[in-house]
Amino acid sequence: MTLHMLIPTLFDLARARLTPASSASNSLVTPADRLASPQYRLVVLTLASKADAIDAKVRHALRAQKITPETASRLERSGGYLLELDYVLRCERSRRAALVHLVSTLGDTPGVRAIRWETAPNMAAR
């Protein structure tokens, strides 16, 4: 964890300790909070013949965790034999475990040749 990620985490922990329990339970996620969530890029390299099923699996898993991809794209690789599924999404820190689970599950999925995920600072602005 880098220092610029650690410091806001520490401030959030301190803020949570200072917030009364009644106001913390009634808090809503605002658009500003959503934009403060870390942005991730998930890239899945798959067989073109299995791409639709894997795309549906990824979208279903994200929907189940109430995570919506900001962008999703497909790119042909190896002359059309492979397909790269690219998702950019925002995920609250509390839901990051679901993203880790998705990545590990996809790694064991037949037809997936490679999977990569990374923090993506401001990918939507590109």
Protein backbone atom coordinates (compact mmCIF):
# COMPACT_ATOMS: atom_id res chain seq x y z
CA MET A 1 0.00 0.00 0.00
CA THR A 2 1.45 3.33 -1.00
CA LEU A 3 1.58 6.33 1.28
CA HIS A 4 -1.01 8.31 -0.71
CA MET A 5 -3.46 5.40 -0.22
CA LEU A 6 -2.60 4.85 3.45
CA ILE A 7 -3.12 8.41 4.69
CA PRO A 8 -6.76 8.75 3.49
CA THR A 9 -7.47 5.32 4.98
CA LEU A 10 -6.14 6.47 8.34
CA PHE A 11 -8.23 9.65 8.17
CA ASP A 12 -11.34 7.60 7.34
CA LEU A 13 -10.70 5.38 10.36
CA ALA A 14 -10.26 8.40 12.63
CA ARG A 15 -13.39 10.04 11.19
CA ALA A 16 -15.37 6.82 11.77
CA ARG A 17 -14.31 6.79 15.44
CA LEU A 18 -15.43 10.41 15.89
CA THR A 19 -18.79 9.99 14.13
CA PRO A 20 -21.73 9.20 16.42
CA ALA A 21 -23.22 5.75 15.80
CA SER A 22 -26.68 7.13 14.97
CA SER A 23 -25.45 9.35 12.12
CA ALA A 24 -23.12 6.67 10.75
CA SER A 25 -25.96 4.17 10.37
CA ASN A 26 -28.15 6.67 8.50
CA SER A 27 -25.47 7.86 6.08
CA LEU A 28 -26.07 7.59 2.35
CA VAL A 29 -23.51 7.19 -0.42
CA THR A 30 -23.39 10.44 -2.34
CA PRO A 31 -22.01 10.93 -5.86
CA ALA A 32 -18.99 12.68 -4.32
CA ASP A 33 -18.31 9.60 -2.16
CA ARG A 34 -18.64 7.39 -5.21
CA LEU A 35 -16.05 9.45 -7.08
CA ALA A 36 -13.75 9.12 -4.08
CA SER A 37 -13.89 5.32 -4.41
CA PRO A 38 -10.79 3.78 -5.98
CA GLN A 39 -10.98 3.09 -9.68
CA TYR A 40 -9.85 -0.28 -11.02
CA ARG A 41 -9.16 -1.70 -14.45
CA LEU A 42 -9.91 -5.39 -15.00
CA VAL A 43 -8.57 -7.02 -18.18
CA VAL A 44 -9.54 -10.59 -19.07
CA LEU A 45 -7.88 -12.35 -22.02
CA THR A 46 -10.16 -15.15 -23.16
CA LEU A 47 -10.85 -17.46 -26.06
CA ALA A 48 -13.14 -15.69 -28.51
CA SER A 49 -15.52 -18.66 -28.44
CA LYS A 50 -16.00 -18.31 -24.66
CA ALA A 51 -15.99 -14.49 -24.47
CA ASP A 52 -19.76 -13.99 -24.29
CA ALA A 53 -20.17 -16.47 -21.41
CA ILE A 54 -17.23 -14.97 -19.50
CA ASP A 55 -18.50 -11.42 -20.09
CA ALA A 56 -21.91 -12.46 -18.73
CA LYS A 57 -20.24 -14.07 -15.70
CA VAL A 58 -18.23 -10.91 -14.95
CA ARG A 59 -21.24 -8.62 -15.33
CA HIS A 60 -23.41 -10.89 -13.17
CA ALA A 61 -20.77 -11.00 -10.41
CA LEU A 62 -20.36 -7.21 -10.50
CA ARG A 63 -24.13 -6.65 -10.50
CA ALA A 64 -24.53 -8.99 -7.51
CA GLN A 65 -22.11 -6.78 -5.57
CA LYS A 66 -23.74 -3.56 -6.83
CA ILE A 67 -20.62 -2.58 -8.76
CA THR A 68 -21.25 -1.02 -12.18
CA PRO A 69 -18.52 -0.84 -14.83
CA GLU A 70 -17.95 2.72 -16.01
CA THR A 71 -16.62 1.45 -19.33
CA ALA A 72 -16.39 -1.96 -20.95
CA SER A 73 -14.65 -2.77 -24.21
CA ARG A 74 -13.55 -5.72 -26.34
CA LEU A 75 -10.40 -5.99 -28.38
CA GLU A 76 -9.41 -8.83 -30.72
CA ARG A 77 -6.02 -10.43 -30.14
CA SER A 78 -4.06 -13.11 -32.01
CA GLY A 79 -6.03 -12.73 -35.23
CA GLY A 80 -9.40 -13.08 -33.56
CA TYR A 81 -8.57 -16.29 -31.68
CA LEU A 82 -8.40 -14.40 -28.39
CA LEU A 83 -10.51 -11.54 -27.12
CA GLU A 84 -9.54 -8.98 -24.46
CA LEU A 85 -12.39 -7.87 -22.21
CA ASP A 86 -11.53 -4.57 -20.55
CA TYR A 87 -13.60 -3.12 -17.68
CA VAL A 88 -13.04 0.13 -15.78
CA LEU A 89 -15.00 0.35 -12.54
CA ARG A 90 -15.18 2.09 -9.20
CA CYS A 91 -15.33 -0.04 -6.12
CA GLU A 92 -15.77 1.06 -2.53
CA ARG A 93 -13.04 -0.21 -0.23
CA SER A 94 -15.63 -2.30 1.61
CA ARG A 95 -16.44 -4.19 -1.61
CA ARG A 96 -12.85 -4.82 -2.67
CA ALA A 97 -12.96 -8.37 -1.28
CA ALA A 98 -15.70 -9.17 -3.81
CA LEU A 99 -13.43 -7.91 -6.58
CA VAL A 100 -10.56 -10.07 -5.31
CA HIS A 101 -12.92 -13.06 -5.24
CA LEU A 102 -14.04 -12.35 -8.81
CA VAL A 103 -10.44 -12.20 -10.05
CA SER A 104 -9.50 -15.48 -8.35
CA THR A 105 -12.67 -17.17 -9.66
CA LEU A 106 -12.00 -15.98 -13.21
CA GLY A 107 -8.47 -17.36 -12.97
CA ASP A 108 -9.96 -20.86 -12.63
CA THR A 109 -12.57 -20.40 -15.38
CA PRO A 110 -12.13 -22.52 -18.53
CA GLY A 111 -11.41 -20.31 -21.53
CA VAL A 112 -9.65 -17.57 -19.57
CA ARG A 113 -6.03 -17.33 -20.73
CA ALA A 114 -4.92 -14.38 -18.58
CA ILE A 115 -6.35 -11.90 -16.13
CA ARG A 116 -4.92 -8.59 -14.95
CA TRP A 117 -6.31 -5.99 -12.61
CA GLU A 118 -4.82 -2.77 -11.40
CA THR A 119 -5.71 0.50 -9.80
CA ALA A 120 -6.53 2.90 -12.60
CA PRO A 121 -6.20 6.56 -11.68
CA ASN A 122 -8.73 8.55 -13.71
CA MET A 123 -9.17 6.08 -16.60
CA ALA A 124 -12.58 7.57 -17.46
CA ALA A 125 -10.95 10.89 -18.38
CA ARG A 126 -8.91 9.30 -21.18
